[in-house]
C-alpha atoms as a PDB file:
ATOM      1  CA  MET A   1     139.734 132.885  74.996  1.00  0.00           C
ATOM      2  CA  ASP A   2     136.735 131.184  76.569  1.00  0.00           C
ATOM      3  CA  PRO A   3     136.501 127.607  75.191  1.00  0.00           C
ATOM      4  CA  TYR A   4     132.817 127.425  76.118  1.00  0.00           C
ATOM      5  CA  ILE A   5     131.518 130.126  73.767  1.00  0.00           C
ATOM      6  CA  TYR A   6     131.371 130.656  70.026  1.00  0.00           C
ATOM      7  CA  PRO A   7     134.107 133.041  68.829  1.00  0.00           C
ATOM      8  CA  ASN A   8     133.243 136.745  69.014  1.00  0.00           C
ATOM      9  CA  THR A   9     129.983 136.073  70.884  1.00  0.00           C
ATOM     10  CA  ASN A  10     128.659 135.564  74.410  1.00  0.00           C
ATOM     11  CA  THR A  11     126.723 132.474  73.300  1.00  0.00           C
ATOM     12  CA  LEU A  12     127.616 129.140  74.851  1.00  0.00           C
ATOM     13  CA  ILE A  13     128.537 126.397  72.389  1.00  0.00           C
ATOM     14  CA  ASN A  14     125.578 124.041  72.383  1.00  0.00           C
ATOM     15  CA  ASN A  15     124.383 120.775  70.870  1.00  0.00           C
ATOM     16  CA  LEU A  16     121.662 122.538  68.868  1.00  0.00           C
ATOM     17  CA  ASP A  17     124.192 124.985  67.418  1.00  0.00           C
ATOM     18  CA  ILE A  18     122.066 127.972  68.431  1.00  0.00           C
ATOM     19  CA  ARG A  19     124.164 131.087  67.841  1.00  0.00           C
ATOM     20  CA  ASP A  20     121.707 133.695  69.112  1.00  0.00           C
ATOM     21  CA  GLU A  21     122.131 134.260  72.859  1.00  0.00           C
ATOM     22  CA  GLU A  22     118.510 135.198  73.553  1.00  0.00           C
ATOM     23  CA  GLN A  23     117.210 132.207  71.616  1.00  0.00           C
ATOM     24  CA  LEU A  24     119.518 129.912  73.559  1.00  0.00           C
ATOM     25  CA  ILE A  25     118.257 131.335  76.868  1.00  0.00           C
ATOM     26  CA  ASP A  26     114.661 130.700  75.775  1.00  0.00           C
ATOM     27  CA  VAL A  27     115.344 127.121  74.657  1.00  0.00           C
ATOM     28  CA  GLU A  28     117.317 126.418  77.832  1.00  0.00           C
ATOM     29  CA  ALA A  29     114.408 127.689  79.941  1.00  0.00           C
ATOM     30  CA  GLN A  30     111.951 125.414  78.123  1.00  0.00           C
ATOM     31  CA  LEU A  31     114.166 122.350  78.522  1.00  0.00           C
ATOM     32  CA  LEU A  32     114.734 123.235  82.167  1.00  0.00           C
ATOM     33  CA  ILE A  33     111.000 123.303  82.876  1.00  0.00           C
ATOM     34  CA  ALA A  34     110.644 119.847  81.326  1.00  0.00           C
ATOM     35  CA  GLY A  35     113.577 118.593  83.380  1.00  0.00           C
ATOM     36  CA  ILE A  36     112.195 119.938  86.646  1.00  0.00           C
ATOM     37  CA  VAL A  37     108.835 118.275  86.001  1.00  0.00           C
ATOM     38  CA  ASP A  38     110.581 114.908  85.628  1.00  0.00           C
ATOM     39  CA  ILE A  39     113.281 115.459  88.276  1.00  0.00           C
ATOM     40  CA  SER A  40     111.859 112.833  90.635  1.00  0.00           C
ATOM     41  CA  SER A  41     112.963 110.151  88.177  1.00  0.00           C
ATOM     42  CA  ILE A  42     116.600 110.558  89.248  1.00  0.00           C
ATOM     43  CA  THR A  43     116.100 110.774  93.006  1.00  0.00           C
ATOM     44  CA  GLN A  44     116.975 107.138  93.595  1.00  0.00           C
ATOM     45  CA  LYS A  45     120.350 107.657  91.893  1.00  0.00           C
ATOM     46  CA  ILE A  46     121.433 110.448  94.219  1.00  0.00           C
ATOM     47  CA  ASP A  47     123.692 110.123  97.242  1.00  0.00           C
ATOM     48  CA  PHE A  48     123.138 113.402  99.056  1.00  0.00           C
ATOM     49  CA  ASN A  49     126.392 112.985 100.974  1.00  0.00           C
ATOM     50  CA  ASN A  50     128.477 113.143  97.805  1.00  0.00           C
ATOM     51  CA  TYR A  51     129.215 115.947  95.338  1.00  0.00           C
ATOM     52  CA  GLU A  52     128.449 113.516  92.495  1.00  0.00           C
ATOM     53  CA  SER A  53     124.815 114.296  93.307  1.00  0.00           C
ATOM     54  CA  LEU A  54     125.318 117.726  91.755  1.00  0.00           C
ATOM     55  CA  HIS A  55     126.779 116.130  88.609  1.00  0.00           C
ATOM     56  CA  ILE A  56     123.721 113.909  88.263  1.00  0.00           C
ATOM     57  CA  ILE A  57     121.328 116.842  88.586  1.00  0.00           C
ATOM     58  CA  HIS A  58     123.281 119.165  86.284  1.00  0.00           C
ATOM     59  CA  ARG A  59     123.647 116.453  83.646  1.00  0.00           C
ATOM     60  CA  PHE A  60     119.949 115.624  83.798  1.00  0.00           C
ATOM     61  CA  LEU A  61     118.941 119.257  83.371  1.00  0.00           C
ATOM     62  CA  PHE A  62     121.400 120.332  80.692  1.00  0.00           C
ATOM     63  CA  HIS A  63     122.594 117.267  78.738  1.00  0.00           C
ATOM     64  CA  GLU A  64     120.392 118.065  75.752  1.00  0.00           C
ATOM     65  CA  LEU A  65     122.116 121.418  75.299  1.00  0.00           C
ATOM     66  CA  TYR A  66     125.683 121.144  76.528  1.00  0.00           C
ATOM     67  CA  SER A  67     128.299 118.444  75.980  1.00  0.00           C
ATOM     68  CA  TRP A  68     129.907 119.409  79.305  1.00  0.00           C
ATOM     69  CA  ALA A  69     126.745 118.921  81.356  1.00  0.00           C
ATOM     70  CA  GLY A  70     127.687 117.319  84.668  1.00  0.00           C
ATOM     71  CA  GLU A  71     131.370 118.235  84.349  1.00  0.00           C
ATOM     72  CA  PHE A  72     133.332 120.760  86.410  1.00  0.00           C
ATOM     73  CA  ARG A  73     134.213 123.983  84.604  1.00  0.00           C
ATOM     74  CA  THR A  74     137.790 124.273  83.363  1.00  0.00           C
ATOM     75  CA  VAL A  75     138.032 128.071  83.579  1.00  0.00           C
ATOM     76  CA  ASN A  76     137.783 130.614  86.373  1.00  0.00           C
ATOM     77  CA  ILE A  77     134.684 132.759  86.122  1.00  0.00           C
ATOM     78  CA  SER A  78     133.299 136.061  87.350  1.00  0.00           C
ATOM     79  CA  LYS A  79     130.088 138.023  86.860  1.00  0.00           C
ATOM     80  CA  SER A  80     129.351 141.696  87.456  1.00  0.00           C
ATOM     81  CA  GLU A  81     126.585 141.967  90.047  1.00  0.00           C
ATOM     82  CA  ARG A  82     124.349 145.008  90.339  1.00  0.00           C
ATOM     83  CA  VAL A  83     123.808 144.471  94.075  1.00  0.00           C
ATOM     84  CA  LEU A  84     127.603 144.476  94.527  1.00  0.00           C
ATOM     85  CA  ASN A  85     128.066 147.695  92.538  1.00  0.00           C
ATOM     86  CA  GLY A  86     129.493 145.790  89.599  1.00  0.00           C
ATOM     87  CA  LEU A  87     131.801 143.503  91.565  1.00  0.00           C
ATOM     88  CA  SER A  88     131.729 139.707  91.397  1.00  0.00           C
ATOM     89  CA  VAL A  89     131.426 136.985  93.986  1.00  0.00           C
ATOM     90  CA  ALA A  90     134.752 135.190  94.469  1.00  0.00           C
ATOM     91  CA  TYR A  91     133.865 131.758  93.133  1.00  0.00           C
ATOM     92  CA  SER A  92     136.072 128.731  93.734  1.00  0.00           C
ATOM     93  CA  ASP A  93     139.233 128.411  91.703  1.00  0.00           C
ATOM     94  CA  LYS A  94     138.755 125.790  88.983  1.00  0.00           C
ATOM     95  CA  ASP A  95     141.539 123.691  90.489  1.00  0.00           C
ATOM     96  CA  HIS A  96     139.899 123.656  93.920  1.00  0.00           C
ATOM     97  CA  ILE A  97     136.312 122.838  92.969  1.00  0.00           C
ATOM     98  CA  MET A  98     136.446 119.169  93.948  1.00  0.00           C
ATOM     99  CA  SER A  99     138.202 119.727  97.273  1.00  0.00           C
ATOM    100  CA  ASP A 100     135.903 122.641  98.114  1.00  0.00           C
ATOM    101  CA  LEU A 101     132.843 120.478  97.464  1.00  0.00           C
ATOM    102  CA  GLU A 102     134.258 117.622  99.513  1.00  0.00           C
ATOM    103  CA  ASN A 103     134.700 120.017 102.426  1.00  0.00           C
ATOM    104  CA  VAL A 104     131.119 121.249 102.124  1.00  0.00           C
ATOM    105  CA  PHE A 105     129.633 117.760 102.088  1.00  0.00           C
ATOM    106  CA  ARG A 106     131.831 116.788 105.014  1.00  0.00           C
ATOM    107  CA  TRP A 107     130.433 119.812 106.867  1.00  0.00           C
ATOM    108  CA  SER A 108     126.886 118.761 105.944  1.00  0.00           C
ATOM    109  CA  GLU A 109     127.351 115.322 107.453  1.00  0.00           C
ATOM    110  CA  SER A 110     128.063 116.948 110.821  1.00  0.00           C
ATOM    111  CA  LYS A 111     124.652 118.652 110.917  1.00  0.00           C
ATOM    112  CA  GLN A 112     121.263 117.432 112.052  1.00  0.00           C
ATOM    113  CA  TRP A 113     118.784 117.785 109.221  1.00  0.00           C
ATOM    114  CA  SER A 114     115.484 117.676 111.085  1.00  0.00           C
ATOM    115  CA  TYR A 115     113.012 120.078 112.677  1.00  0.00           C
ATOM    116  CA  SER A 116     114.422 119.172 116.078  1.00  0.00           C
ATOM    117  CA  ASN A 117     117.555 121.119 115.135  1.00  0.00           C
ATOM    118  CA  PRO A 118     117.083 124.671 116.485  1.00  0.00           C
ATOM    119  CA  ASN A 119     119.563 125.925 113.874  1.00  0.00           C
ATOM    120  CA  LEU A 120     117.901 124.173 110.941  1.00  0.00           C
ATOM    121  CA  VAL A 121     117.106 127.314 108.935  1.00  0.00           C
ATOM    122  CA  LYS A 122     120.591 128.723 109.366  1.00  0.00           C
ATOM    123  CA  ASP A 123     122.272 125.404 108.568  1.00  0.00           C
ATOM    124  CA  PHE A 124     120.078 124.910 105.500  1.00  0.00           C
ATOM    125  CA  ALA A 125     120.886 128.403 104.228  1.00  0.00           C
ATOM    126  CA  VAL A 126     124.610 127.993 104.929  1.00  0.00           C
ATOM    127  CA  PHE A 127     124.653 124.663 103.074  1.00  0.00           C
ATOM    128  CA  MET A 128     123.076 126.353 100.063  1.00  0.00           C
ATOM    129  CA  ILE A 129     125.464 129.316 100.227  1.00  0.00           C
ATOM    130  CA  LYS A 130     128.538 127.090 100.495  1.00  0.00           C
ATOM    131  CA  LEU A 131     127.511 125.016  97.478  1.00  0.00           C
ATOM    132  CA  TRP A 132     126.495 128.018  95.401  1.00  0.00           C
ATOM    133  CA  ARG A 133     129.687 129.975  96.124  1.00  0.00           C
ATOM    134  CA  ILE A 134     131.737 127.180  94.558  1.00  0.00           C
ATOM    135  CA  HIS A 135     129.873 127.482  91.226  1.00  0.00           C
ATOM    136  CA  PRO A 136     131.245 124.195  89.898  1.00  0.00           C
ATOM    137  CA  TYR A 137     129.794 124.526  86.384  1.00  0.00           C
ATOM    138  CA  ARG A 138     130.240 126.955  83.539  1.00  0.00           C
ATOM    139  CA  GLU A 139     126.510 127.680  83.576  1.00  0.00           C
ATOM    140  CA  GLY A 140     123.408 126.464  85.422  1.00  0.00           C
ATOM    141  CA  ASN A 141     124.745 126.635  88.968  1.00  0.00           C
ATOM    142  CA  THR A 142     121.859 128.408  90.713  1.00  0.00           C
ATOM    143  CA  ARG A 143     119.305 126.099  89.154  1.00  0.00           C
ATOM    144  CA  THR A 144     121.326 123.005  89.990  1.00  0.00           C
ATOM    145  CA  VAL A 145     121.920 124.014  93.606  1.00  0.00           C
ATOM    146  CA  SER A 146     118.270 125.042  94.079  1.00  0.00           C
ATOM    147  CA  ILE A 147     117.030 121.683  92.826  1.00  0.00           C
ATOM    148  CA  PHE A 148     119.627 119.856  94.910  1.00  0.00           C
ATOM    149  CA  MET A 149     118.370 121.643  98.025  1.00  0.00           C
ATOM    150  CA  LYS A 150     114.780 120.731  97.145  1.00  0.00           C
ATOM    151  CA  LEU A 151     115.632 117.049  96.731  1.00  0.00           C
ATOM    152  CA  PHE A 152     117.878 117.131  99.792  1.00  0.00           C
ATOM    153  CA  ALA A 153     115.037 118.544 101.881  1.00  0.00           C
ATOM    154  CA  GLU A 154     112.666 115.862 100.633  1.00  0.00           C
ATOM    155  CA  ALA A 155     115.211 113.124 101.369  1.00  0.00           C
ATOM    156  CA  SER A 156     115.579 114.578 104.879  1.00  0.00           C
ATOM    157  CA  ARG A 157     111.786 114.600 105.281  1.00  0.00           C
ATOM    158  CA  LEU A 158     111.602 118.354 105.529  1.00  0.00           C
ATOM    159  CA  ASP A 159     108.598 120.240 104.204  1.00  0.00           C
ATOM    160  CA  PHE A 160     110.183 122.632 101.741  1.00  0.00           C
ATOM    161  CA  ASN A 161     108.339 125.020  99.434  1.00  0.00           C
ATOM    162  CA  ALA A 162     110.623 124.914  96.410  1.00  0.00           C
ATOM    163  CA  GLN A 163     107.948 126.763  94.431  1.00  0.00           C
ATOM    164  CA  LEU A 164     108.689 129.844  96.505  1.00  0.00           C
ATOM    165  CA  LEU A 165     112.286 129.880  95.251  1.00  0.00           C
ATOM    166  CA  THR A 166     111.276 129.180  91.665  1.00  0.00           C
ATOM    167  CA  GLN A 167     108.706 131.954  91.521  1.00  0.00           C
ATOM    168  CA  HIS A 168     111.150 134.477  92.942  1.00  0.00           C
ATOM    169  CA  ALA A 169     114.291 133.424  91.096  1.00  0.00           C
ATOM    170  CA  GLY A 170     115.594 136.981  90.823  1.00  0.00           C
ATOM    171  CA  TYR A 171     115.310 137.543  94.561  1.00  0.00           C
ATOM    172  CA  LEU A 172     116.929 134.173  95.274  1.00  0.00           C
ATOM    173  CA  ARG A 173     119.959 134.767  93.101  1.00  0.00           C
ATOM    174  CA  ASN A 174     120.609 138.244  94.442  1.00  0.00           C
ATOM    175  CA  ALA A 175     120.127 137.001  98.006  1.00  0.00           C
ATOM    176  CA  LEU A 176     122.719 134.303  97.318  1.00  0.00           C
ATOM    177  CA  VAL A 177     125.105 136.884  95.859  1.00  0.00           C
ATOM    178  CA  LEU A 178     124.946 139.019  99.002  1.00  0.00           C
ATOM    179  CA  ALA A 179     125.193 136.003 101.301  1.00  0.00           C
ATOM    180  CA  ALA A 180     128.220 134.629  99.414  1.00  0.00           C
ATOM    181  CA  VAL A 181     130.395 137.736  99.841  1.00  0.00           C
ATOM    182  CA  GLU A 182     133.168 136.484 102.098  1.00  0.00           C
ATOM    183  CA  GLU A 183     134.289 139.860 103.481  1.00  0.00           C
ATOM    184  CA  ALA A 184     130.914 141.170 104.691  1.00  0.00           C
ATOM    185  CA  PRO A 185     128.068 138.765 103.859  1.00  0.00           C
ATOM    186  CA  GLU A 186     124.459 139.906 104.142  1.00  0.00           C
ATOM    187  CA  THR A 187     122.551 136.722 104.881  1.00  0.00           C
ATOM    188  CA  HIS A 188     119.236 138.027 106.192  1.00  0.00           C
ATOM    189  CA  TYR A 189     117.576 138.141 102.756  1.00  0.00           C
ATOM    190  CA  LEU A 190     118.283 134.480 102.115  1.00  0.00           C
ATOM    191  CA  LEU A 191     117.479 133.478 105.696  1.00  0.00           C
ATOM    192  CA  SER A 192     114.086 135.143 105.372  1.00  0.00           C
ATOM    193  CA  MET A 193     113.300 133.197 102.218  1.00  0.00           C
ATOM    194  CA  ILE A 194     114.528 129.873 103.629  1.00  0.00           C
ATOM    195  CA  THR A 195     112.529 130.470 106.813  1.00  0.00           C
ATOM    196  CA  ASP A 196     109.368 130.877 104.761  1.00  0.00           C
ATOM    197  CA  ALA A 197     110.197 127.922 102.490  1.00  0.00           C
ATOM    198  CA  LEU A 198     110.758 125.552 105.398  1.00  0.00           C
ATOM    199  CA  GLY A 199     107.726 126.890 107.255  1.00  0.00           C
ATOM    200  CA  VAL A 200     105.167 126.187 104.519  1.00  0.00           C
ATOM    201  CA  VAL A 201     103.706 122.701 105.013  1.00  0.00           C
ATOM    202  CA  ASN A 202     101.183 122.646 102.183  1.00  0.00           C
ATOM    203  CA  PHE A 203     102.789 123.779  98.919  1.00  0.00           C
ATOM    204  CA  ASN A 204      99.380 124.232  97.281  1.00  0.00           C
ATOM    205  CA  LYS A 205      98.439 126.965  99.737  1.00  0.00           C
ATOM    206  CA  PHE A 206     101.191 129.239  98.475  1.00  0.00           C
ATOM    207  CA  ASN A 207      99.809 132.068  96.378  1.00  0.00           C
ATOM    208  CA  PRO A 208     102.353 134.193  94.449  1.00  0.00           C
ATOM    209  CA  ASP A 209     100.089 137.205  94.918  1.00  0.00           C
ATOM    210  CA  ASP A 210      99.696 136.946  98.680  1.00  0.00           C
ATOM    211  CA  ALA A 211     101.280 139.191 101.304  1.00  0.00           C
ATOM    212  CA  ALA A 212     103.997 136.683 102.155  1.00  0.00           C
ATOM    213  CA  SER A 213     105.440 136.838  98.650  1.00  0.00           C
ATOM    214  CA  SER A 214     105.215 140.604  98.230  1.00  0.00           C
ATOM    215  CA  SER A 215     108.458 141.030 100.153  1.00  0.00           C
ATOM    216  CA  TYR A 216     110.415 139.178  97.464  1.00  0.00           C
ATOM    217  CA  GLN A 217     110.613 142.175  95.165  1.00  0.00           C
ATOM    218  CA  VAL A 218     113.343 144.406  96.548  1.00  0.00           C
ATOM    219  CA  ILE A 219     116.793 143.850  98.014  1.00  0.00           C
ATOM    220  CA  GLY A 220     118.276 147.018  99.440  1.00  0.00           C
ATOM    221  CA  GLN A 221     117.627 149.674  96.814  1.00  0.00           C
ATOM    222  CA  TYR A 222     117.285 147.221  93.939  1.00  0.00           C
ATOM    223  CA  ASP A 223     114.143 145.819  92.364  1.00  0.00           C
ATOM    224  CA  VAL A 224     115.090 142.176  91.844  1.00  0.00           C
ATOM    225  CA  SER A 225     111.670 140.861  90.852  1.00  0.00           C
ATOM    226  CA  LYS A 226     112.919 140.333  87.303  1.00  0.00           C
ATOM    227  CA  TYR A 227     116.402 138.910  86.963  1.00  0.00           C
ATOM    228  CA  GLU A 228     118.199 139.756  83.734  1.00  0.00           C
ATOM    229  CA  GLU A 229     120.453 136.931  82.632  1.00  0.00           C
ATOM    230  CA  LYS A 230     124.036 138.074  82.135  1.00  0.00           C
ATOM    231  CA  PRO A 231     126.934 136.007  80.799  1.00  0.00           C
ATOM    232  CA  PHE A 232     129.863 134.993  82.938  1.00  0.00           C
ATOM    233  CA  GLU A 233     133.301 136.204  82.038  1.00  0.00           C
ATOM    234  CA  ILE A 234     136.463 134.190  82.361  1.00  0.00           C
ATOM    235  CA  ASP A 235     139.241 135.688  84.445  1.00  0.00           C
ATOM    236  CA  LEU A 236     141.939 137.632  82.654  1.00  0.00           C
ATOM    237  CA  ASP A 237     144.615 135.062  83.336  1.00  0.00           C
ATOM    238  CA  GLU A 238     142.483 132.466  81.537  1.00  0.00           C
ATOM    239  CA  LYS A 239     142.170 134.408  78.295  1.00  0.00           C
END
């Protein structure tokens, strides 16, 4: 049995005691928007060389809804992905989350985070993939990692169009799914998006209707312009 959801539902137990899944998604989205607007208020608290930075961001975004905001999940999770023909990404085992994150941040410290690095786009994308594949929280991982990468880029004095990722959230998540497959990753979708995000100097010049954004509609044979939220499942040995 999943300790994070109300019995006989797919709805996460929450501080507002919302039992309807769709209503919870709507409320979460509204609170998330408010959190993103005020995200700069926590920048000074973040050490970007430490996984605790993810805790700070996750807690800030989700503390009003979930008592476990900013805490590692205690169950193993999976999610059926349309772009993987119903299969799931192999997320980190719950018992290895901390060590996996420590390894990723150790890897990050070995990289040069500046435009003088000829592999900047690839390194940036790999950093994001590595963090996302771990999925340290029961919910809110893509949003937390995306915001971390935005703040990380700013701290590294990189011009990063985070709005591009936000406006094409469906494309981003599916690109991460394909890039996170360990056996045969397809990284070009994510690399394309990161290339554009790092190449846009003036955020205000980005127009969601322009030609540059029109490519963020389809991945392979799938229209990913609108991502449908689906619940995670806990692995059979956790039930």
